[in-house]
Amino acid sequence: MATSCADAVYALKHMSGDPRIDAGRIALFGYSRGGGAVLMTDHDPLQAAILGDTRRFAAYIAMYPSVWLRWTQPAPTAGPILAVFAEDDDMAPLGRQRARVDDLAKAGATIETVVIPGVGHSFDAVYPAAHRDEANRRDWDIAVDAGGSMLETTTGIRQTGDWASFLRDVGAARATGGGTTGHGGAPRTCSTR
């Protein structure tokens, strides 16, 4: 996830140096895990550390974002957030998605949320909705502090080694069943209404 966030900010740095692009109008958009990365990237200290100046994304769009990773003390930028949630999401439950953006709003973010009724995770996918048994992290709560140290709050597991080892340790203690992804309950175009 850290790499995804850094990649996004480096892309902003690269694009804002291109004279064909209006640097003040670059937004960040992501789905599912990418939506979670969008919310994590909307962190002013992270962007300042990479960019070294006041450039920031103009806006953030998170579609059914994953909710298992968060900043302990969010510091959102001035760019507004559009968060699009699926009402029947069992991969990133609606209540947790709302709590996630509520924390960002309390920290000063400008947020608009849209809940698409009767749909689940990946409601815009090209494949029909089906339950998949792969593990997911919907019940995890990994809090990242300003120094980058991580704690999974429900188990008390702290990161002591690399990211992969930490995820394995938490996964062994917090195995979570699969979930439903794919379109169904509404047409794939439901988010364009």
N, C-alpha and C. Protein backbone atom coordinates (compact mmCIF):
# COMPACT_ATOMS: atom_id res chain seq x y z
N MET A 1 0.83 -1.20 0.00
CA MET A 1 0.00 0.00 0.00
C MET A 1 0.87 1.26 0.00
N ALA A 2 1.96 1.22 0.76
CA ALA A 2 2.85 2.39 0.78
C ALA A 2 3.37 2.69 -0.62
N THR A 3 3.70 1.64 -1.37
CA THR A 3 4.20 1.82 -2.73
C THR A 3 3.12 2.42 -3.62
N SER A 4 1.88 1.96 -3.45
CA SER A 4 0.78 2.52 -4.25
C SER A 4 0.63 4.01 -3.99
N CYS A 5 0.69 4.40 -2.73
CA CYS A 5 0.55 5.82 -2.38
C CYS A 5 1.72 6.63 -2.94
N ALA A 6 2.93 6.11 -2.76
CA ALA A 6 4.11 6.82 -3.28
C ALA A 6 4.05 6.91 -4.80
N ASP A 7 3.65 5.83 -5.47
CA ASP A 7 3.53 5.86 -6.93
C ASP A 7 2.58 6.97 -7.38
N ALA A 8 1.46 7.11 -6.68
CA ALA A 8 0.49 8.13 -7.04
C ALA A 8 1.09 9.53 -6.92
N VAL A 9 1.80 9.77 -5.82
CA VAL A 9 2.38 11.10 -5.62
C VAL A 9 3.50 11.36 -6.62
N TYR A 10 4.30 10.35 -6.92
CA TYR A 10 5.33 10.53 -7.95
C TYR A 10 4.71 10.77 -9.33
N ALA A 11 3.57 10.16 -9.59
CA ALA A 11 2.86 10.43 -10.86
C ALA A 11 2.41 11.89 -10.89
N LEU A 12 1.91 12.40 -9.76
CA LEU A 12 1.53 13.82 -9.69
C LEU A 12 2.75 14.70 -9.97
N LYS A 13 3.87 14.35 -9.37
CA LYS A 13 5.10 15.13 -9.58
C LYS A 13 5.48 15.14 -11.06
N HIS A 14 5.43 13.97 -11.68
CA HIS A 14 5.79 13.87 -13.10
C HIS A 14 4.80 14.64 -13.99
N MET A 15 3.51 14.41 -13.78
CA MET A 15 2.51 15.06 -14.63
C MET A 15 2.49 16.56 -14.45
N SER A 16 2.72 17.03 -13.23
CA SER A 16 2.66 18.48 -13.01
C SER A 16 3.84 19.20 -13.64
N GLY A 17 4.87 18.45 -14.03
CA GLY A 17 6.00 19.04 -14.75
C GLY A 17 5.80 19.09 -16.26
N ASP A 18 4.72 18.52 -16.74
CA ASP A 18 4.43 18.49 -18.17
C ASP A 18 3.64 19.75 -18.54
N PRO A 19 4.17 20.60 -19.42
CA PRO A 19 3.48 21.86 -19.75
C PRO A 19 2.12 21.66 -20.41
N ARG A 20 1.83 20.47 -20.91
CA ARG A 20 0.52 20.21 -21.53
C ARG A 20 -0.57 19.96 -20.50
N ILE A 21 -0.18 19.77 -19.25
CA ILE A 21 -1.14 19.39 -18.20
C ILE A 21 -1.28 20.53 -17.20
N ASP A 22 -2.52 20.85 -16.85
CA ASP A 22 -2.79 21.86 -15.82
C ASP A 22 -2.58 21.18 -14.46
N ALA A 23 -1.47 21.46 -13.82
CA ALA A 23 -1.10 20.79 -12.56
C ALA A 23 -2.12 21.02 -11.46
N GLY A 24 -2.90 22.06 -11.55
CA GLY A 24 -3.90 22.36 -10.53
C GLY A 24 -5.20 21.59 -10.70
N ARG A 25 -5.26 20.73 -11.74
CA ARG A 25 -6.50 19.99 -12.00
C ARG A 25 -6.29 18.48 -12.05
N ILE A 26 -5.24 17.99 -11.43
CA ILE A 26 -4.95 16.56 -11.44
C ILE A 26 -5.63 15.91 -10.24
N ALA A 27 -6.48 14.92 -10.52
CA ALA A 27 -7.20 14.20 -9.46
C ALA A 27 -6.67 12.77 -9.36
N LEU A 28 -6.92 12.14 -8.24
CA LEU A 28 -6.53 10.75 -8.01
C LEU A 28 -7.79 9.92 -7.88
N PHE A 29 -7.85 8.82 -8.63
CA PHE A 29 -9.05 7.98 -8.72
C PHE A 29 -8.64 6.53 -8.49
N GLY A 30 -9.41 5.80 -7.66
CA GLY A 30 -9.09 4.39 -7.46
C GLY A 30 -10.31 3.59 -7.04
N TYR A 31 -10.25 2.29 -7.35
CA TYR A 31 -11.30 1.33 -7.04
C TYR A 31 -10.80 0.34 -5.99
N SER A 32 -11.64 -0.07 -5.05
CA SER A 32 -11.36 -1.13 -4.09
C SER A 32 -10.04 -0.85 -3.36
N ARG A 33 -9.03 -1.71 -3.54
CA ARG A 33 -7.74 -1.46 -2.90
C ARG A 33 -7.19 -0.12 -3.36
N GLY A 34 -7.39 0.19 -4.63
CA GLY A 34 -6.95 1.49 -5.16
C GLY A 34 -7.71 2.64 -4.51
N GLY A 35 -8.98 2.42 -4.18
CA GLY A 35 -9.75 3.44 -3.46
C GLY A 35 -9.21 3.65 -2.06
N GLY A 36 -8.78 2.56 -1.43
CA GLY A 36 -8.13 2.68 -0.12
C GLY A 36 -6.83 3.45 -0.23
N ALA A 37 -6.08 3.19 -1.31
CA ALA A 37 -4.83 3.93 -1.55
C ALA A 37 -5.11 5.41 -1.78
N VAL A 38 -6.22 5.72 -2.45
CA VAL A 38 -6.60 7.12 -2.66
C VAL A 38 -6.77 7.81 -1.30
N LEU A 39 -7.51 7.17 -0.39
CA LEU A 39 -7.76 7.78 0.91
C LEU A 39 -6.48 7.90 1.73
N MET A 40 -5.58 6.93 1.61
CA MET A 40 -4.30 7.01 2.32
C MET A 40 -3.38 8.06 1.69
N THR A 41 -3.45 8.26 0.39
CA THR A 41 -2.60 9.25 -0.29
C THR A 41 -3.03 10.67 0.05
N ASP A 42 -4.32 10.85 0.37
CA ASP A 42 -4.80 12.18 0.77
C ASP A 42 -4.29 12.47 2.19
N HIS A 43 -3.00 12.64 2.28
CA HIS A 43 -2.33 12.88 3.57
C HIS A 43 -1.23 13.91 3.29
N ASP A 44 -1.44 15.12 3.78
CA ASP A 44 -0.55 16.22 3.45
C ASP A 44 0.92 15.93 3.79
N PRO A 45 1.24 15.38 4.96
CA PRO A 45 2.66 15.11 5.25
C PRO A 45 3.30 14.14 4.26
N LEU A 46 2.55 13.15 3.79
CA LEU A 46 3.07 12.21 2.80
C LEU A 46 3.41 12.93 1.50
N GLN A 47 2.47 13.73 1.01
CA GLN A 47 2.69 14.43 -0.25
C GLN A 47 3.81 15.46 -0.11
N ALA A 48 3.86 16.15 1.02
CA ALA A 48 4.91 17.15 1.24
C ALA A 48 6.29 16.48 1.26
N ALA A 49 6.39 15.31 1.88
CA ALA A 49 7.67 14.62 1.97
C ALA A 49 8.18 14.21 0.59
N ILE A 50 7.28 13.79 -0.29
CA ILE A 50 7.69 13.34 -1.62
C ILE A 50 7.88 14.52 -2.57
N LEU A 51 6.97 15.47 -2.53
CA LEU A 51 7.00 16.57 -3.50
C LEU A 51 7.94 17.71 -3.09
N GLY A 52 8.08 17.93 -1.78
CA GLY A 52 8.95 18.99 -1.32
C GLY A 52 8.43 20.39 -1.57
N ASP A 53 7.17 20.50 -1.92
CA ASP A 53 6.58 21.81 -2.18
C ASP A 53 5.08 21.75 -1.88
N THR A 54 4.31 22.71 -2.38
CA THR A 54 2.88 22.79 -2.05
C THR A 54 1.97 22.14 -3.08
N ARG A 55 2.52 21.51 -4.12
CA ARG A 55 1.66 20.81 -5.09
C ARG A 55 0.90 19.71 -4.36
N ARG A 56 -0.38 19.55 -4.71
CA ARG A 56 -1.21 18.48 -4.15
C ARG A 56 -2.22 18.07 -5.21
N PHE A 57 -2.82 16.91 -5.04
CA PHE A 57 -3.91 16.53 -5.93
C PHE A 57 -5.06 17.50 -5.75
N ALA A 58 -5.75 17.80 -6.84
CA ALA A 58 -6.87 18.74 -6.81
C ALA A 58 -8.11 18.10 -6.20
N ALA A 59 -8.23 16.77 -6.35
CA ALA A 59 -9.42 16.06 -5.84
C ALA A 59 -9.08 14.58 -5.74
N TYR A 60 -9.95 13.86 -5.01
CA TYR A 60 -9.76 12.43 -4.77
C TYR A 60 -11.09 11.72 -4.99
N ILE A 61 -11.06 10.61 -5.73
CA ILE A 61 -12.27 9.81 -5.95
C ILE A 61 -11.97 8.39 -5.53
N ALA A 62 -12.73 7.89 -4.57
CA ALA A 62 -12.53 6.53 -4.05
C ALA A 62 -13.82 5.74 -4.26
N MET A 63 -13.73 4.72 -5.13
CA MET A 63 -14.88 3.84 -5.39
C MET A 63 -14.76 2.62 -4.49
N TYR A 64 -15.81 2.33 -3.73
CA TYR A 64 -15.87 1.21 -2.78
C TYR A 64 -14.48 0.89 -2.20
N PRO A 65 -13.89 1.89 -1.48
CA PRO A 65 -12.52 1.73 -1.02
C PRO A 65 -12.36 0.66 0.06
N SER A 66 -11.20 -0.01 0.02
CA SER A 66 -10.87 -0.91 1.12
C SER A 66 -10.69 -0.06 2.37
N VAL A 67 -10.96 -0.64 3.52
CA VAL A 67 -11.01 0.16 4.75
C VAL A 67 -10.12 -0.40 5.86
N TRP A 68 -9.23 -1.29 5.56
CA TRP A 68 -8.45 -1.97 6.58
C TRP A 68 -7.19 -1.22 6.99
N LEU A 69 -6.84 -0.14 6.30
CA LEU A 69 -5.63 0.62 6.59
C LEU A 69 -6.00 2.09 6.71
N ARG A 70 -5.47 2.74 7.74
CA ARG A 70 -5.81 4.15 7.96
C ARG A 70 -4.67 4.84 8.70
N TRP A 71 -4.65 6.15 8.61
CA TRP A 71 -3.71 6.96 9.40
C TRP A 71 -4.27 7.11 10.81
N THR A 72 -3.42 7.04 11.83
CA THR A 72 -3.91 7.27 13.20
C THR A 72 -4.32 8.72 13.38
N GLN A 73 -3.59 9.62 12.73
CA GLN A 73 -3.92 11.04 12.77
C GLN A 73 -3.96 11.56 11.34
N PRO A 74 -5.11 11.40 10.69
CA PRO A 74 -5.19 11.85 9.29
C PRO A 74 -4.96 13.34 9.16
N ALA A 75 -4.30 13.71 8.09
CA ALA A 75 -4.03 15.12 7.79
C ALA A 75 -4.32 15.35 6.31
N PRO A 76 -5.63 15.40 5.96
CA PRO A 76 -6.00 15.53 4.55
C PRO A 76 -5.56 16.85 3.94
N THR A 77 -5.40 16.82 2.63
CA THR A 77 -5.08 18.04 1.88
C THR A 77 -6.37 18.83 1.67
N ALA A 78 -6.26 19.92 0.94
CA ALA A 78 -7.45 20.74 0.69
C ALA A 78 -8.35 20.17 -0.39
N GLY A 79 -7.86 19.23 -1.19
CA GLY A 79 -8.66 18.67 -2.28
C GLY A 79 -9.87 17.91 -1.77
N PRO A 80 -11.04 18.13 -2.36
CA PRO A 80 -12.24 17.42 -1.93
C PRO A 80 -12.19 15.93 -2.30
N ILE A 81 -12.95 15.15 -1.55
CA ILE A 81 -13.04 13.69 -1.76
C ILE A 81 -14.46 13.34 -2.18
N LEU A 82 -14.57 12.52 -3.23
CA LEU A 82 -15.84 11.89 -3.58
C LEU A 82 -15.66 10.41 -3.26
N ALA A 83 -16.48 9.90 -2.36
CA ALA A 83 -16.42 8.49 -1.97
C ALA A 83 -17.72 7.83 -2.42
N VAL A 84 -17.60 6.80 -3.25
CA VAL A 84 -18.76 6.09 -3.78
C VAL A 84 -18.77 4.70 -3.14
N PHE A 85 -19.83 4.43 -2.39
CA PHE A 85 -19.95 3.20 -1.63
C PHE A 85 -21.03 2.30 -2.21
N ALA A 86 -20.86 1.01 -1.99
CA ALA A 86 -21.88 0.02 -2.37
C ALA A 86 -22.66 -0.35 -1.12
N GLU A 87 -23.98 -0.26 -1.20
CA GLU A 87 -24.82 -0.51 -0.03
C GLU A 87 -24.63 -1.91 0.56
N ASP A 88 -24.48 -2.91 -0.29
CA ASP A 88 -24.42 -4.30 0.18
C ASP A 88 -22.99 -4.88 0.07
N ASP A 89 -22.01 -4.07 0.37
CA ASP A 89 -20.61 -4.45 0.22
C ASP A 89 -20.16 -5.33 1.39
N ASP A 90 -19.82 -6.59 1.11
CA ASP A 90 -19.31 -7.44 2.19
C ASP A 90 -17.78 -7.56 2.14
N MET A 91 -17.14 -6.90 1.19
CA MET A 91 -15.67 -6.85 1.13
C MET A 91 -15.14 -5.63 1.88
N ALA A 92 -15.87 -4.55 1.82
CA ALA A 92 -15.55 -3.31 2.54
C ALA A 92 -16.89 -2.79 3.05
N PRO A 93 -17.34 -3.30 4.21
CA PRO A 93 -18.68 -3.00 4.70
C PRO A 93 -18.98 -1.50 4.77
N LEU A 94 -20.21 -1.18 4.40
CA LEU A 94 -20.65 0.21 4.33
C LEU A 94 -20.40 0.97 5.63
N GLY A 95 -20.69 0.37 6.77
CA GLY A 95 -20.46 1.05 8.04
C GLY A 95 -19.01 1.42 8.25
N ARG A 96 -18.11 0.55 7.86
CA ARG A 96 -16.67 0.84 8.01
C ARG A 96 -16.22 1.89 7.00
N GLN A 97 -16.79 1.86 5.79
CA GLN A 97 -16.44 2.90 4.82
C GLN A 97 -16.88 4.27 5.33
N ARG A 98 -18.09 4.31 5.87
CA ARG A 98 -18.58 5.59 6.40
C ARG A 98 -17.72 6.07 7.58
N ALA A 99 -17.34 5.16 8.46
CA ALA A 99 -16.49 5.54 9.60
C ALA A 99 -15.15 6.07 9.11
N ARG A 100 -14.64 5.46 8.07
CA ARG A 100 -13.34 5.88 7.51
C ARG A 100 -13.41 7.32 7.00
N VAL A 101 -14.44 7.64 6.22
CA VAL A 101 -14.52 9.01 5.71
C VAL A 101 -14.97 9.99 6.79
N ASP A 102 -15.71 9.52 7.80
CA ASP A 102 -16.04 10.40 8.93
C ASP A 102 -14.78 10.85 9.65
N ASP A 103 -13.82 9.94 9.82
CA ASP A 103 -12.54 10.30 10.45
C ASP A 103 -11.82 11.36 9.62
N LEU A 104 -11.86 11.21 8.30
CA LEU A 104 -11.22 12.20 7.44
C LEU A 104 -11.94 13.55 7.53
N ALA A 105 -13.27 13.51 7.58
CA ALA A 105 -14.04 14.76 7.71
C ALA A 105 -13.73 15.46 9.03
N LYS A 106 -13.62 14.70 10.11
CA LYS A 106 -13.27 15.29 11.42
C LYS A 106 -11.89 15.93 11.38
N ALA A 107 -11.01 15.40 10.51
CA ALA A 107 -9.66 15.95 10.37
C ALA A 107 -9.62 17.14 9.41
N GLY A 108 -10.77 17.49 8.83
CA GLY A 108 -10.84 18.67 7.98
C GLY A 108 -11.08 18.44 6.51
N ALA A 109 -11.22 17.19 6.08
CA ALA A 109 -11.46 16.91 4.67
C ALA A 109 -12.86 17.33 4.25
N THR A 110 -12.98 17.77 3.01
CA THR A 110 -14.28 18.04 2.39
C THR A 110 -14.67 16.78 1.65
N ILE A 111 -15.78 16.17 2.07
CA ILE A 111 -16.16 14.86 1.52
C ILE A 111 -17.61 14.85 1.07
N GLU A 112 -17.83 14.29 -0.11
CA GLU A 112 -19.17 13.97 -0.58
C GLU A 112 -19.23 12.46 -0.71
N THR A 113 -20.27 11.86 -0.16
CA THR A 113 -20.43 10.42 -0.29
C THR A 113 -21.69 10.11 -1.10
N VAL A 114 -21.59 9.05 -1.87
CA VAL A 114 -22.72 8.54 -2.64
C VAL A 114 -22.81 7.06 -2.33
N VAL A 115 -23.99 6.60 -1.95
CA VAL A 115 -24.21 5.18 -1.70
C VAL A 115 -25.09 4.65 -2.83
N ILE A 116 -24.57 3.64 -3.54
CA ILE A 116 -25.33 3.03 -4.63
C ILE A 116 -26.16 1.91 -4.00
N PRO A 117 -27.50 2.02 -4.04
CA PRO A 117 -28.35 1.02 -3.38
C PRO A 117 -28.36 -0.33 -4.11
N GLY A 118 -28.46 -1.39 -3.32
CA GLY A 118 -28.69 -2.73 -3.86
C GLY A 118 -27.53 -3.35 -4.59
N VAL A 119 -26.31 -2.83 -4.42
CA VAL A 119 -25.15 -3.40 -5.11
C VAL A 119 -24.07 -3.75 -4.10
N GLY A 120 -23.12 -4.58 -4.55
CA GLY A 120 -22.00 -4.98 -3.73
C GLY A 120 -20.68 -4.47 -4.28
N HIS A 121 -19.61 -4.97 -3.70
CA HIS A 121 -18.26 -4.59 -4.08
C HIS A 121 -18.02 -4.87 -5.57
N SER A 122 -17.31 -3.99 -6.22
CA SER A 122 -17.00 -4.11 -7.65
C SER A 122 -18.27 -4.15 -8.50
N PHE A 123 -19.25 -3.33 -8.14
CA PHE A 123 -20.55 -3.34 -8.84
C PHE A 123 -20.43 -2.93 -10.29
N ASP A 124 -19.31 -2.37 -10.69
CA ASP A 124 -19.12 -1.96 -12.08
C ASP A 124 -18.25 -2.96 -12.87
N ALA A 125 -17.97 -4.11 -12.28
CA ALA A 125 -17.13 -5.12 -12.94
C ALA A 125 -17.79 -5.69 -14.18
N VAL A 126 -16.99 -6.26 -15.06
CA VAL A 126 -17.52 -6.86 -16.27
C VAL A 126 -18.05 -8.27 -16.02
N TYR A 127 -17.77 -8.84 -14.87
CA TYR A 127 -18.23 -10.19 -14.55
C TYR A 127 -19.39 -10.12 -13.56
N PRO A 128 -20.28 -11.11 -13.58
CA PRO A 128 -21.43 -11.09 -12.68
C PRO A 128 -21.01 -11.35 -11.23
N ALA A 129 -21.83 -10.86 -10.32
CA ALA A 129 -21.54 -11.01 -8.89
C ALA A 129 -21.48 -12.48 -8.50
N ALA A 130 -20.46 -12.80 -7.72
CA ALA A 130 -20.29 -14.16 -7.20
C ALA A 130 -19.45 -14.08 -5.94
N HIS A 131 -19.73 -15.00 -5.03
CA HIS A 131 -18.93 -15.08 -3.80
C HIS A 131 -17.61 -15.77 -4.13
N ARG A 132 -16.55 -15.16 -3.67
CA ARG A 132 -15.22 -15.73 -3.84
C ARG A 132 -14.66 -16.02 -2.46
N ASP A 133 -14.05 -17.20 -2.32
CA ASP A 133 -13.60 -17.64 -1.00
C ASP A 133 -12.23 -17.11 -0.58
N GLU A 134 -11.58 -16.33 -1.44
CA GLU A 134 -10.26 -15.84 -1.04
C GLU A 134 -10.36 -14.96 0.19
N ALA A 135 -9.30 -14.96 0.98
CA ALA A 135 -9.29 -14.16 2.20
C ALA A 135 -9.31 -12.68 1.84
N ASN A 136 -9.92 -11.89 2.68
CA ASN A 136 -9.85 -10.45 2.52
C ASN A 136 -9.58 -9.83 3.90
N ARG A 137 -9.48 -8.54 3.92
CA ARG A 137 -9.09 -7.85 5.16
C ARG A 137 -10.19 -6.94 5.68
N ARG A 138 -11.43 -7.24 5.38
CA ARG A 138 -12.52 -6.33 5.73
C ARG A 138 -12.64 -6.04 7.21
N ASP A 139 -12.21 -6.96 8.07
CA ASP A 139 -12.32 -6.77 9.52
C ASP A 139 -11.03 -6.27 10.17
N TRP A 140 -9.98 -6.11 9.39
CA TRP A 140 -8.72 -5.64 9.94
C TRP A 140 -8.80 -4.13 10.19
N ASP A 141 -8.01 -3.66 11.12
CA ASP A 141 -7.90 -2.22 11.38
C ASP A 141 -6.43 -1.91 11.64
N ILE A 142 -5.71 -1.64 10.57
CA ILE A 142 -4.30 -1.31 10.70
C ILE A 142 -4.16 0.20 10.74
N ALA A 143 -3.66 0.69 11.87
CA ALA A 143 -3.45 2.11 12.08
C ALA A 143 -1.98 2.43 11.86
N VAL A 144 -1.71 3.42 11.02
CA VAL A 144 -0.35 3.83 10.70
C VAL A 144 -0.10 5.18 11.35
N ASP A 145 0.97 5.25 12.17
CA ASP A 145 1.25 6.53 12.82
C ASP A 145 2.13 7.40 11.93
N ALA A 146 2.42 8.62 12.39
CA ALA A 146 3.16 9.59 11.58
C ALA A 146 4.55 9.10 11.20
N GLY A 147 5.12 8.23 12.00
CA GLY A 147 6.44 7.69 11.70
C GLY A 147 6.42 6.46 10.82
N GLY A 148 5.22 5.99 10.45
CA GLY A 148 5.08 4.83 9.59
C GLY A 148 4.95 3.51 10.34
N SER A 149 4.93 3.57 11.66
CA SER A 149 4.77 2.36 12.47
C SER A 149 3.31 1.90 12.41
N MET A 150 3.11 0.58 12.34
CA MET A 150 1.76 0.06 12.17
C MET A 150 1.33 -0.83 13.33
N LEU A 151 0.04 -0.76 13.63
CA LEU A 151 -0.58 -1.57 14.67
C LEU A 151 -1.92 -2.06 14.16
N GLU A 152 -2.15 -3.38 14.24
CA GLU A 152 -3.48 -3.90 13.94
C GLU A 152 -4.22 -3.83 15.27
N THR A 153 -5.21 -2.95 15.34
CA THR A 153 -5.78 -2.58 16.64
C THR A 153 -6.62 -3.67 17.29
N THR A 154 -7.21 -4.57 16.52
CA THR A 154 -8.07 -5.59 17.13
C THR A 154 -7.27 -6.73 17.74
N THR A 155 -6.05 -6.96 17.25
CA THR A 155 -5.21 -8.04 17.79
C THR A 155 -4.07 -7.51 18.64
N GLY A 156 -3.72 -6.24 18.47
CA GLY A 156 -2.58 -5.67 19.17
C GLY A 156 -1.25 -6.00 18.51
N ILE A 157 -1.29 -6.59 17.33
CA ILE A 157 -0.05 -6.95 16.63
C ILE A 157 0.59 -5.69 16.07
N ARG A 158 1.86 -5.49 16.43
CA ARG A 158 2.64 -4.36 15.94
C ARG A 158 3.59 -4.82 14.86
N GLN A 159 3.84 -3.94 13.92
CA GLN A 159 4.83 -4.23 12.89
C GLN A 159 6.21 -4.18 13.52
N THR A 160 6.94 -5.26 13.42
CA THR A 160 8.31 -5.30 13.94
C THR A 160 9.31 -5.61 12.83
N GLY A 161 8.81 -6.09 11.72
CA GLY A 161 9.68 -6.44 10.59
C GLY A 161 9.18 -5.78 9.34
N ASP A 162 9.33 -6.49 8.23
CA ASP A 162 8.89 -5.94 6.96
C ASP A 162 7.37 -6.07 6.81
N TRP A 163 6.84 -5.40 5.79
CA TRP A 163 5.40 -5.34 5.51
C TRP A 163 4.82 -6.74 5.30
N ALA A 164 5.50 -7.56 4.51
CA ALA A 164 4.99 -8.90 4.21
C ALA A 164 4.89 -9.74 5.47
N SER A 165 5.88 -9.67 6.35
CA SER A 165 5.84 -10.42 7.61
C SER A 165 4.70 -9.94 8.50
N PHE A 166 4.53 -8.64 8.54
CA PHE A 166 3.44 -8.06 9.34
C PHE A 166 2.09 -8.55 8.84
N LEU A 167 1.89 -8.53 7.52
CA LEU A 167 0.61 -9.00 6.96
C LEU A 167 0.40 -10.49 7.25
N ARG A 168 1.43 -11.28 7.16
CA ARG A 168 1.31 -12.71 7.48
C ARG A 168 0.92 -12.90 8.95
N ASP A 169 1.55 -12.15 9.85
CA ASP A 169 1.25 -12.27 11.28
C ASP A 169 -0.21 -11.90 11.55
N VAL A 170 -0.65 -10.79 10.98
CA VAL A 170 -2.04 -10.37 11.19
C VAL A 170 -2.99 -11.36 10.54
N GLY A 171 -2.67 -11.82 9.34
CA GLY A 171 -3.52 -12.79 8.64
C GLY A 171 -3.69 -14.08 9.41
N ALA A 172 -2.65 -14.51 10.10
CA ALA A 172 -2.74 -15.74 10.90
C ALA A 172 -3.70 -15.56 12.07
N ALA A 173 -3.78 -14.34 12.58
CA ALA A 173 -4.65 -14.07 13.73
C ALA A 173 -6.03 -13.58 13.32
N ARG A 174 -6.17 -13.03 12.13
CA ARG A 174 -7.42 -12.40 11.71
C ARG A 174 -7.91 -12.92 10.37
N ALA A 175 -7.83 -14.21 10.14
CA ALA A 175 -8.30 -14.76 8.87
C ALA A 175 -9.76 -14.38 8.66
N THR A 176 -10.05 -13.84 7.52
CA THR A 176 -11.39 -13.41 7.19
C THR A 176 -11.81 -14.11 5.91
N GLY A 177 -13.03 -14.61 5.88
CA GLY A 177 -13.53 -15.31 4.70
C GLY A 177 -13.65 -14.41 3.51
N GLY A 178 -14.07 -14.97 2.43
CA GLY A 178 -14.18 -14.24 1.18
C GLY A 178 -15.32 -13.24 1.17
N GLY A 179 -15.69 -12.85 -0.01
CA GLY A 179 -16.76 -11.89 -0.17
C GLY A 179 -17.27 -11.92 -1.59
N THR A 180 -18.27 -11.10 -1.84
CA THR A 180 -18.92 -11.05 -3.15
C THR A 180 -18.39 -9.87 -3.94
N THR A 181 -17.98 -10.13 -5.17
CA THR A 181 -17.59 -9.06 -6.08
C THR A 181 -18.26 -9.29 -7.42
N GLY A 182 -18.43 -8.22 -8.16
CA GLY A 182 -19.02 -8.29 -9.48
C GLY A 182 -20.33 -7.54 -9.56
N HIS A 183 -20.80 -7.33 -10.78
CA HIS A 183 -22.04 -6.57 -10.96
C HIS A 183 -23.25 -7.46 -10.65
N GLY A 184 -24.26 -6.84 -10.17
CA GLY A 184 -25.49 -7.54 -9.84
C GLY A 184 -26.31 -6.69 -8.89
N GLY A 185 -27.59 -6.84 -8.94
CA GLY A 185 -28.47 -6.03 -8.10
C GLY A 185 -28.87 -4.74 -8.78
N ALA A 186 -28.07 -4.31 -9.72
CA ALA A 186 -28.34 -3.11 -10.50
C ALA A 186 -27.48 -3.20 -11.76
N PRO A 187 -27.82 -2.47 -12.80
CA PRO A 187 -26.98 -2.51 -14.00
C PRO A 187 -25.59 -1.95 -13.71
N ARG A 188 -24.60 -2.37 -14.49
CA ARG A 188 -23.23 -1.89 -14.30
C ARG A 188 -23.14 -0.38 -14.39
N THR A 189 -24.06 0.25 -15.08
CA THR A 189 -24.02 1.70 -15.26
C THR A 189 -24.62 2.47 -14.08
N CYS A 190 -24.96 1.78 -12.99
CA CYS A 190 -25.65 2.43 -11.89
C CYS A 190 -24.86 3.60 -11.30
N SER A 191 -23.54 3.60 -11.39
CA SER A 191 -22.76 4.68 -10.82
C SER A 191 -22.74 5.92 -11.70
N THR A 192 -23.29 5.85 -12.90
CA THR A 192 -23.29 7.01 -13.80
C THR A 192 -24.58 7.80 -13.73
N ARG A 193 -25.52 7.35 -12.89
CA ARG A 193 -26.79 8.06 -12.79
C ARG A 193 -26.60 9.42 -12.18
